[in-house]
Amino acid sequence: MKKVLNIISDTNVGGAGRALLTYLKYMDRSKFEAAVIVPAGSLLTERIQALDIRVFEIDGISDQSYDRAAIRLLQNVIRQYQPDLVHTHGSLSGRIAARRCGCAVVYTRHSVFPVPKKISRGPGKLLNKLINEHYADRIISVSPAASDNLTDAGISPSKIDVVFNGVEKLTAPPEETRDKLRREFGIRPGQFTAGILARVISYKGHMDIIDAAHLLKKQGYDFKILFAGTGENSYLKTVQKQIDALGLSDNILMTGFRKDVPDILSILDVQLNASYGTEATSLSLLEGFSLGLPAIASDYGGNPYVVQDGVNGLIFPTRDVHALAEALRKLMDDPSFLSTLGARARSIYETQFTAKIYAENVENVYQKALAVHKGRR
């Protein structure tokens, strides 16, 4: 039995937190024991404890990777728990503390973003390589795009393992629940319905979806698009103002935050992802796949590694609203093709993106890291 201590700096339940919760639920408890360090007051605490996993709350790591004072606090917990391996999610402080305590270390890169110039060239790139490779035996990237971020910043490819996220299979609600939801959103019988489940922030591409919808409406298409998510009030107002200005208030509905994710996904014909700022492996797309819901996604970041163009969805060039409109038009004009994409989406989920597959792949990296660490002694 190997003891693994996870360290996550999130105070809210974001993508990294959801991935961690999935692993903890599906981990092999015959081989691994787990505990987690979270920031004091994190929303993750209760959810982790509900899985019968021990939680340590400490100050100084909230939503930040490095805090010098936190290293000592982390070392105290590590020495108390005495893990064989420490797995950090965005916490350089945790990796430093783990190394000082003589533990094997795994680090996960959960995001994709443009690499800053200061660490993609010259001395900064070399320093970044030395720090990250010294403080981790193995590095997990959640998509090849995240691996590219790491190698662009100097990390050796041989140090990286690609482990795609996985999700629990969703169950569609009864038809009466779906009908009630359609009435709530003003979706007419047979009306083509698309949706994006994401925070309403600029780089998620909501404005591009609005522009594509405007093109489709001018061409006479009948559709409804749901924006399910919340964001800063000022930007929410900006998005709604653009919807109204283009005469799309009957076509695009901002639902706000919704807890009924399976229900929302179950009434869609296609899920949208128009990101152009950061996107690794969209958990929402994977959840849709589990219901047989295909996707239209930008070719940014990790999207093309999840959505196979013409297989389980369609890919369009990032920020190309005409191409996005064309992709939507193609599915509205060809229901048979839409149905084929949905069937393939479910099949690909079952073979690549289940929670069980994800947990097994993470544990394979743990075994590699423990072997590397043993060889260093």
Protein backbone atom coordinates (compact mmCIF):
# COMPACT_ATOMS: atom_id res chain seq x y z
CA MET A 1 0.00 0.00 0.00
CA LYS A 2 1.44 3.36 -1.09
CA LYS A 3 0.39 6.61 0.58
CA VAL A 4 -0.26 9.57 -1.76
CA LEU A 5 -0.73 13.13 -0.53
CA ASN A 6 -2.37 15.50 -3.00
CA ILE A 7 -1.84 19.25 -2.67
CA ILE A 8 -4.23 21.65 -4.44
CA SER A 9 -4.37 25.42 -4.01
CA ASP A 10 -7.94 25.96 -5.27
CA THR A 11 -10.48 27.56 -2.97
CA ASN A 12 -13.30 26.90 -5.45
CA VAL A 13 -14.19 23.72 -7.35
CA GLY A 14 -12.59 24.29 -10.75
CA GLY A 15 -11.31 21.91 -13.41
CA ALA A 16 -8.33 20.74 -11.35
CA GLY A 17 -10.53 20.14 -8.33
CA ARG A 18 -13.08 18.19 -10.34
CA ALA A 19 -10.31 16.03 -11.83
CA LEU A 20 -8.95 15.34 -8.35
CA LEU A 21 -12.39 14.40 -7.03
CA THR A 22 -12.85 12.01 -9.95
CA TYR A 23 -9.54 10.32 -9.20
CA LEU A 24 -10.26 10.01 -5.49
CA LYS A 25 -13.62 8.37 -6.19
CA TYR A 26 -12.19 5.84 -8.65
CA MET A 27 -8.73 5.21 -7.19
CA ASP A 28 -7.57 1.67 -6.49
CA ARG A 29 -7.83 1.56 -2.71
CA SER A 30 -6.19 -1.85 -2.61
CA LYS A 31 -2.95 -0.26 -3.80
CA PHE A 32 -3.12 3.39 -2.73
CA GLU A 33 -4.17 5.39 0.30
CA ALA A 34 -4.88 9.07 -0.28
CA ALA A 35 -5.05 12.33 1.65
CA VAL A 36 -5.35 15.93 0.43
CA ILE A 37 -4.03 19.32 1.51
CA VAL A 38 -6.33 22.22 0.59
CA PRO A 39 -6.43 25.93 1.50
CA ALA A 40 -8.33 26.77 4.68
CA GLY A 41 -12.00 27.24 3.80
CA SER A 42 -11.78 25.56 0.38
CA LEU A 43 -15.06 24.42 -1.13
CA LEU A 44 -13.31 21.16 -1.95
CA THR A 45 -13.02 20.10 1.70
CA GLU A 46 -16.55 18.80 2.19
CA ARG A 47 -16.60 16.99 -1.16
CA ILE A 48 -13.30 15.23 -0.46
CA GLN A 49 -14.38 14.21 3.03
CA ALA A 50 -17.59 12.76 1.56
CA LEU A 51 -15.34 10.29 -0.29
CA ASP A 52 -13.88 9.17 3.05
CA ILE A 53 -10.54 10.85 2.29
CA ARG A 54 -8.54 12.66 4.95
CA VAL A 55 -8.19 16.43 4.45
CA PHE A 56 -5.64 18.85 5.88
CA GLU A 57 -6.49 22.56 5.67
CA ILE A 58 -3.68 25.12 5.87
CA ASP A 59 -3.22 28.84 5.27
CA GLY A 60 -0.92 30.43 2.72
CA ILE A 61 -1.65 28.37 -0.40
CA SER A 62 -4.98 29.85 -1.52
CA ASP A 63 -5.10 30.16 -5.32
CA GLN A 64 -1.35 30.64 -5.70
CA SER A 65 1.50 28.36 -6.70
CA TYR A 66 4.27 29.73 -4.51
CA ASP A 67 4.39 31.20 -1.04
CA ARG A 68 7.65 30.92 0.87
CA ALA A 69 6.00 30.91 4.28
CA ALA A 70 3.66 28.08 3.27
CA ILE A 71 6.52 25.68 2.58
CA ARG A 72 7.18 25.12 6.29
CA LEU A 73 3.48 24.50 6.96
CA LEU A 74 3.36 22.00 4.12
CA GLN A 75 6.47 20.24 5.39
CA ASN A 76 4.82 19.84 8.79
CA VAL A 77 1.81 18.10 7.26
CA ILE A 78 3.98 15.92 5.00
CA ARG A 79 6.06 14.78 7.97
CA GLN A 80 2.88 14.08 9.90
CA TYR A 81 1.23 12.04 7.13
CA GLN A 82 4.48 10.43 5.85
CA PRO A 83 3.42 9.80 2.24
CA ASP A 84 5.41 7.81 -0.28
CA LEU A 85 4.45 10.28 -3.00
CA VAL A 86 3.18 13.86 -3.17
CA HIS A 87 1.01 14.90 -6.13
CA THR A 88 0.65 18.66 -6.57
CA HIS A 89 -1.93 20.54 -8.62
CA GLY A 90 -0.56 24.02 -9.22
CA SER A 91 1.53 24.24 -6.03
CA LEU A 92 5.26 24.85 -6.41
CA SER A 93 5.39 25.34 -2.64
CA GLY A 94 4.08 21.80 -2.27
CA ARG A 95 6.71 20.35 -4.60
CA ILE A 96 9.50 22.11 -2.72
CA ALA A 97 8.18 20.90 0.63
CA ALA A 98 7.83 17.34 -0.69
CA ARG A 99 11.40 17.27 -1.99
CA ARG A 100 12.73 18.56 1.32
CA CYS A 101 10.89 15.71 3.03
CA GLY A 102 12.38 13.13 0.66
CA CYS A 103 9.14 12.14 -1.13
CA ALA A 104 8.54 11.15 -4.74
CA VAL A 105 6.78 14.01 -6.53
CA VAL A 106 4.24 14.20 -9.37
CA TYR A 107 3.01 17.52 -10.75
CA THR A 108 -0.04 18.00 -13.02
CA ARG A 109 -0.38 20.80 -15.58
CA HIS A 110 -4.14 21.27 -15.87
CA SER A 111 -4.19 24.28 -18.19
CA VAL A 112 -3.09 25.51 -21.60
CA PHE A 113 -2.04 29.11 -22.17
CA PRO A 114 0.50 31.12 -24.18
CA VAL A 115 3.94 30.62 -22.63
CA PRO A 116 5.40 33.92 -21.34
CA LYS A 117 8.55 35.07 -23.14
CA LYS A 118 10.48 35.22 -19.87
CA ILE A 119 10.38 31.40 -19.57
CA SER A 120 10.35 30.43 -23.25
CA ARG A 121 13.81 31.66 -24.15
CA GLY A 122 17.30 32.26 -22.79
CA PRO A 123 18.18 32.03 -19.10
CA GLY A 124 14.53 32.07 -18.03
CA LYS A 125 13.78 28.94 -20.02
CA LEU A 126 16.79 27.13 -18.57
CA LEU A 127 15.92 28.19 -15.03
CA ASN A 128 12.32 27.05 -15.47
CA LYS A 129 13.54 23.67 -16.74
CA LEU A 130 15.92 23.17 -13.82
CA ILE A 131 13.34 24.13 -11.19
CA ASN A 132 10.47 22.06 -12.57
CA GLU A 133 12.55 18.98 -13.35
CA HIS A 134 14.28 19.07 -9.96
CA TYR A 135 11.00 19.33 -8.05
CA ALA A 136 9.12 16.56 -9.90
CA ASP A 137 9.89 12.95 -10.76
CA ARG A 138 7.11 12.92 -13.36
CA ILE A 139 4.90 15.66 -14.82
CA ILE A 140 1.35 14.94 -15.99
CA SER A 141 -0.14 17.04 -18.77
CA VAL A 142 -3.86 16.72 -19.41
CA SER A 143 -3.48 17.06 -23.19
CA PRO A 144 -0.72 17.20 -25.83
CA ALA A 145 -1.35 20.95 -25.95
CA ALA A 146 -0.40 21.20 -22.27
CA SER A 147 2.72 19.15 -23.04
CA ASP A 148 3.64 21.69 -25.71
CA ASN A 149 3.36 24.43 -23.09
CA LEU A 150 5.76 22.53 -20.88
CA THR A 151 8.33 21.77 -23.58
CA ASP A 152 8.14 25.35 -24.89
CA ALA A 153 9.17 26.38 -21.38
CA GLY A 154 12.17 24.03 -21.36
CA ILE A 155 10.79 20.82 -19.84
CA SER A 156 12.18 17.62 -21.37
CA PRO A 157 9.51 15.59 -23.23
CA SER A 158 10.82 12.44 -21.55
CA LYS A 159 9.69 13.87 -18.19
CA ILE A 160 6.04 14.25 -19.28
CA ASP A 161 3.12 11.81 -19.32
CA VAL A 162 -0.08 12.78 -21.15
CA VAL A 163 -3.12 11.73 -19.14
CA PHE A 164 -6.43 12.91 -20.57
CA ASN A 165 -9.09 13.82 -18.06
CA GLY A 166 -11.95 11.42 -17.50
CA VAL A 167 -15.46 11.93 -16.18
CA GLU A 168 -18.28 9.90 -14.70
CA LYS A 169 -20.93 8.83 -17.16
CA LEU A 170 -23.98 11.06 -16.97
CA THR A 171 -27.53 9.76 -17.04
CA ALA A 172 -30.17 11.61 -19.03
CA PRO A 173 -33.28 12.57 -17.03
CA PRO A 174 -36.78 11.34 -17.89
CA GLU A 175 -38.46 12.88 -20.93
CA GLU A 176 -40.89 14.83 -18.76
CA THR A 177 -37.95 16.55 -17.06
CA ARG A 178 -36.48 17.46 -20.44
CA ASP A 179 -39.81 18.76 -21.69
CA LYS A 180 -40.16 20.93 -18.59
CA LEU A 181 -36.69 22.35 -19.15
CA ARG A 182 -37.43 23.08 -22.81
CA ARG A 183 -40.54 25.00 -21.77
CA GLU A 184 -38.53 26.93 -19.17
CA PHE A 185 -36.04 28.01 -21.83
CA GLY A 186 -38.63 28.66 -24.52
CA ILE A 187 -37.38 25.90 -26.81
CA ARG A 188 -40.05 24.95 -29.33
CA PRO A 189 -40.65 21.29 -30.31
CA GLY A 190 -38.07 20.26 -32.87
CA GLN A 191 -36.09 23.51 -32.58
CA PHE A 192 -32.33 22.95 -33.04
CA THR A 193 -30.62 23.65 -29.72
CA ALA A 194 -26.94 24.27 -29.02
CA GLY A 195 -25.27 25.26 -25.79
CA ILE A 196 -22.04 26.26 -24.11
CA LEU A 197 -21.45 25.34 -20.47
CA ALA A 198 -18.65 27.63 -19.28
CA ARG A 199 -17.91 30.74 -17.31
CA VAL A 200 -18.96 33.79 -19.26
CA ILE A 201 -15.55 35.38 -19.73
CA SER A 202 -14.02 36.89 -22.84
CA TYR A 203 -11.68 34.08 -23.93
CA LYS A 204 -14.42 31.45 -23.78
CA GLY A 205 -15.71 32.90 -27.05
CA HIS A 206 -19.32 33.80 -26.24
CA MET A 207 -19.06 36.91 -28.42
CA ASP A 208 -17.90 34.79 -31.36
CA ILE A 209 -20.90 32.51 -30.89
CA ILE A 210 -23.17 35.56 -30.91
CA ASP A 211 -21.66 36.74 -34.20
CA ALA A 212 -22.07 33.28 -35.74
CA ALA A 213 -25.69 33.17 -34.55
CA HIS A 214 -26.30 36.55 -36.18
CA LEU A 215 -25.07 35.18 -39.51
CA LEU A 216 -27.36 32.16 -39.20
CA LYS A 217 -30.40 34.23 -38.30
CA LYS A 218 -29.90 36.45 -41.34
CA GLN A 219 -29.93 33.26 -43.42
CA GLY A 220 -33.31 32.27 -41.98
CA TYR A 221 -32.28 29.45 -39.62
CA ASP A 222 -34.37 28.68 -36.54
CA PHE A 223 -32.37 27.75 -33.43
CA LYS A 224 -31.81 28.30 -29.74
CA ILE A 225 -28.40 28.66 -28.06
CA LEU A 226 -28.00 28.41 -24.28
CA PHE A 227 -25.19 30.22 -22.44
CA ALA A 228 -25.11 28.23 -19.18
CA GLY A 229 -22.70 29.79 -16.71
CA THR A 230 -21.93 32.90 -14.76
CA GLY A 231 -19.19 35.52 -14.66
CA GLU A 232 -18.40 39.10 -13.71
CA ASN A 233 -21.54 41.24 -13.75
CA SER A 234 -20.00 43.86 -16.01
CA TYR A 235 -19.11 41.33 -18.69
CA LEU A 236 -22.44 39.52 -18.37
CA LYS A 237 -24.15 42.84 -19.09
CA THR A 238 -21.86 43.42 -22.09
CA VAL A 239 -22.75 40.02 -23.54
CA GLN A 240 -26.48 40.52 -23.00
CA LYS A 241 -26.28 43.99 -24.57
CA GLN A 242 -24.70 42.49 -27.72
CA ILE A 243 -27.39 39.79 -27.88
CA ASP A 244 -30.10 42.45 -27.72
CA ALA A 245 -28.34 44.79 -30.17
CA LEU A 246 -28.22 42.07 -32.85
CA GLY A 247 -31.84 41.08 -32.33
CA LEU A 248 -30.97 37.65 -30.95
CA SER A 249 -32.90 37.70 -27.68
CA ASP A 250 -35.25 34.98 -29.00
CA ASN A 251 -32.31 32.83 -30.11
CA ILE A 252 -29.74 33.13 -27.31
CA LEU A 253 -30.60 32.70 -23.66
CA MET A 254 -28.24 33.35 -20.76
CA THR A 255 -29.33 30.87 -18.10
CA GLY A 256 -26.91 31.88 -15.36
CA PHE A 257 -25.30 29.27 -13.11
CA ARG A 258 -26.98 25.86 -13.28
CA LYS A 259 -26.48 22.80 -11.10
CA ASP A 260 -28.53 20.54 -13.37
CA VAL A 261 -25.71 19.90 -15.87
CA PRO A 262 -26.93 16.47 -17.05
CA ASP A 263 -30.39 17.89 -17.66
CA ILE A 264 -29.03 20.85 -19.64
CA LEU A 265 -26.79 18.64 -21.78
CA SER A 266 -29.63 16.19 -22.42
CA ILE A 267 -31.74 18.79 -24.27
CA LEU A 268 -28.94 19.95 -26.58
CA ASP A 269 -28.34 18.80 -30.14
CA VAL A 270 -24.70 19.90 -29.99
CA GLN A 271 -22.35 21.39 -27.40
CA LEU A 272 -20.19 24.40 -28.27
CA ASN A 273 -16.67 25.33 -27.21
CA ALA A 274 -15.27 28.51 -28.76
CA SER A 275 -12.30 29.07 -26.43
CA TYR A 276 -9.31 31.09 -27.58
CA GLY A 277 -7.47 31.84 -24.34
CA THR A 278 -7.08 28.67 -22.28
CA GLU A 279 -8.42 25.17 -22.86
CA ALA A 280 -6.84 21.85 -21.93
CA THR A 281 -9.33 18.97 -21.79
CA SER A 282 -12.87 20.28 -21.41
CA LEU A 283 -14.71 18.22 -18.81
CA SER A 284 -18.01 19.52 -20.11
CA LEU A 285 -17.30 18.15 -23.61
CA LEU A 286 -16.45 14.74 -22.12
CA GLU A 287 -19.64 14.72 -20.06
CA GLY A 288 -21.57 15.49 -23.23
CA PHE A 289 -19.87 12.62 -25.03
CA SER A 290 -21.04 10.25 -22.29
CA LEU A 291 -24.62 11.18 -23.24
CA GLY A 292 -23.95 10.81 -26.95
CA LEU A 293 -23.76 14.58 -27.47
CA PRO A 294 -21.36 15.72 -30.21
CA ALA A 295 -19.45 19.00 -30.10
CA ILE A 296 -18.41 21.92 -32.25
CA ALA A 297 -15.11 23.26 -30.91
CA SER A 298 -12.37 25.71 -31.81
CA ASP A 299 -8.97 24.32 -32.73
CA TYR A 300 -7.42 26.05 -29.72
CA GLY A 301 -5.42 24.22 -27.04
CA GLY A 302 -6.57 20.72 -26.23
CA ASN A 303 -9.86 20.79 -28.16
CA PRO A 304 -8.57 19.03 -31.32
CA TYR A 305 -7.29 16.13 -29.19
CA VAL A 306 -10.76 15.56 -27.75
CA VAL A 307 -13.02 16.44 -30.68
CA GLN A 308 -12.08 14.53 -33.84
CA ASP A 309 -13.30 16.56 -36.80
CA GLY A 310 -16.05 14.68 -38.61
CA VAL A 311 -15.96 11.80 -36.12
CA ASN A 312 -17.46 12.90 -32.80
CA GLY A 313 -17.90 16.56 -33.68
CA LEU A 314 -16.60 19.39 -35.83
CA ILE A 315 -13.54 21.62 -35.41
CA PHE A 316 -13.39 25.21 -36.65
CA PRO A 317 -10.43 27.64 -36.80
CA THR A 318 -10.21 29.67 -33.61
CA ARG A 319 -12.13 32.98 -33.75
CA ASP A 320 -13.43 32.27 -37.28
CA VAL A 321 -17.13 33.09 -36.82
CA HIS A 322 -17.97 32.25 -40.42
CA ALA A 323 -16.52 28.74 -39.98
CA LEU A 324 -18.40 28.35 -36.69
CA ALA A 325 -21.64 29.37 -38.39
CA GLU A 326 -20.92 26.93 -41.22
CA ALA A 327 -20.38 24.08 -38.75
CA LEU A 328 -23.71 24.80 -37.06
CA ARG A 329 -25.42 25.10 -40.43
CA LYS A 330 -23.99 21.74 -41.51
CA LEU A 331 -25.51 19.97 -38.52
CA MET A 332 -28.84 21.75 -38.78
CA ASP A 333 -29.08 20.75 -42.46
CA ASP A 334 -28.09 17.10 -41.90
CA PRO A 335 -29.79 15.43 -38.90
CA SER A 336 -28.48 12.02 -39.99
CA PHE A 337 -24.87 13.24 -39.80
CA LEU A 338 -25.60 14.81 -36.40
CA SER A 339 -26.91 11.45 -35.15
CA THR A 340 -23.82 9.64 -36.43
CA LEU A 341 -21.53 12.09 -34.63
CA GLY A 342 -23.47 11.53 -31.41
CA ALA A 343 -23.14 7.75 -31.59
CA ARG A 344 -19.41 8.03 -32.17
CA ALA A 345 -19.09 10.52 -29.29
CA ARG A 346 -20.53 7.97 -26.89
CA SER A 347 -18.28 5.20 -28.23
CA ILE A 348 -15.13 7.33 -27.93
CA TYR A 349 -16.08 8.27 -24.37
CA GLU A 350 -16.36 4.60 -23.39
CA THR A 351 -12.90 3.75 -24.75
CA GLN A 352 -10.92 6.87 -23.79
CA PHE A 353 -12.54 9.21 -21.30
CA THR A 354 -14.20 7.28 -18.49
CA ALA A 355 -13.38 8.05 -14.87
CA LYS A 356 -11.99 4.55 -14.36
CA ILE A 357 -9.58 4.88 -17.29
CA TYR A 358 -8.43 8.26 -15.96
CA ALA A 359 -7.74 6.89 -12.47
CA GLU A 360 -5.79 3.92 -13.86
CA ASN A 361 -3.66 6.21 -16.02
CA VAL A 362 -2.85 8.49 -13.07
CA GLU A 363 -1.80 5.48 -11.00
CA ASN A 364 0.45 4.27 -13.81
CA VAL A 365 2.28 7.60 -13.54
CA TYR A 366 2.52 7.15 -9.77
CA GLN A 367 4.26 3.81 -10.27
CA LYS A 368 6.71 5.37 -12.73
CA ALA A 369 7.46 8.24 -10.35
CA LEU A 370 8.03 5.90 -7.41
CA ALA A 371 10.43 3.84 -9.53
CA VAL A 372 12.33 6.97 -10.66
CA HIS A 373 12.51 8.23 -7.09
CA LYS A 374 13.78 4.88 -5.83
CA GLY A 375 16.51 4.94 -8.47
CA ARG A 376 17.67 8.38 -7.35
CA ARG A 377 18.33 7.28 -3.79
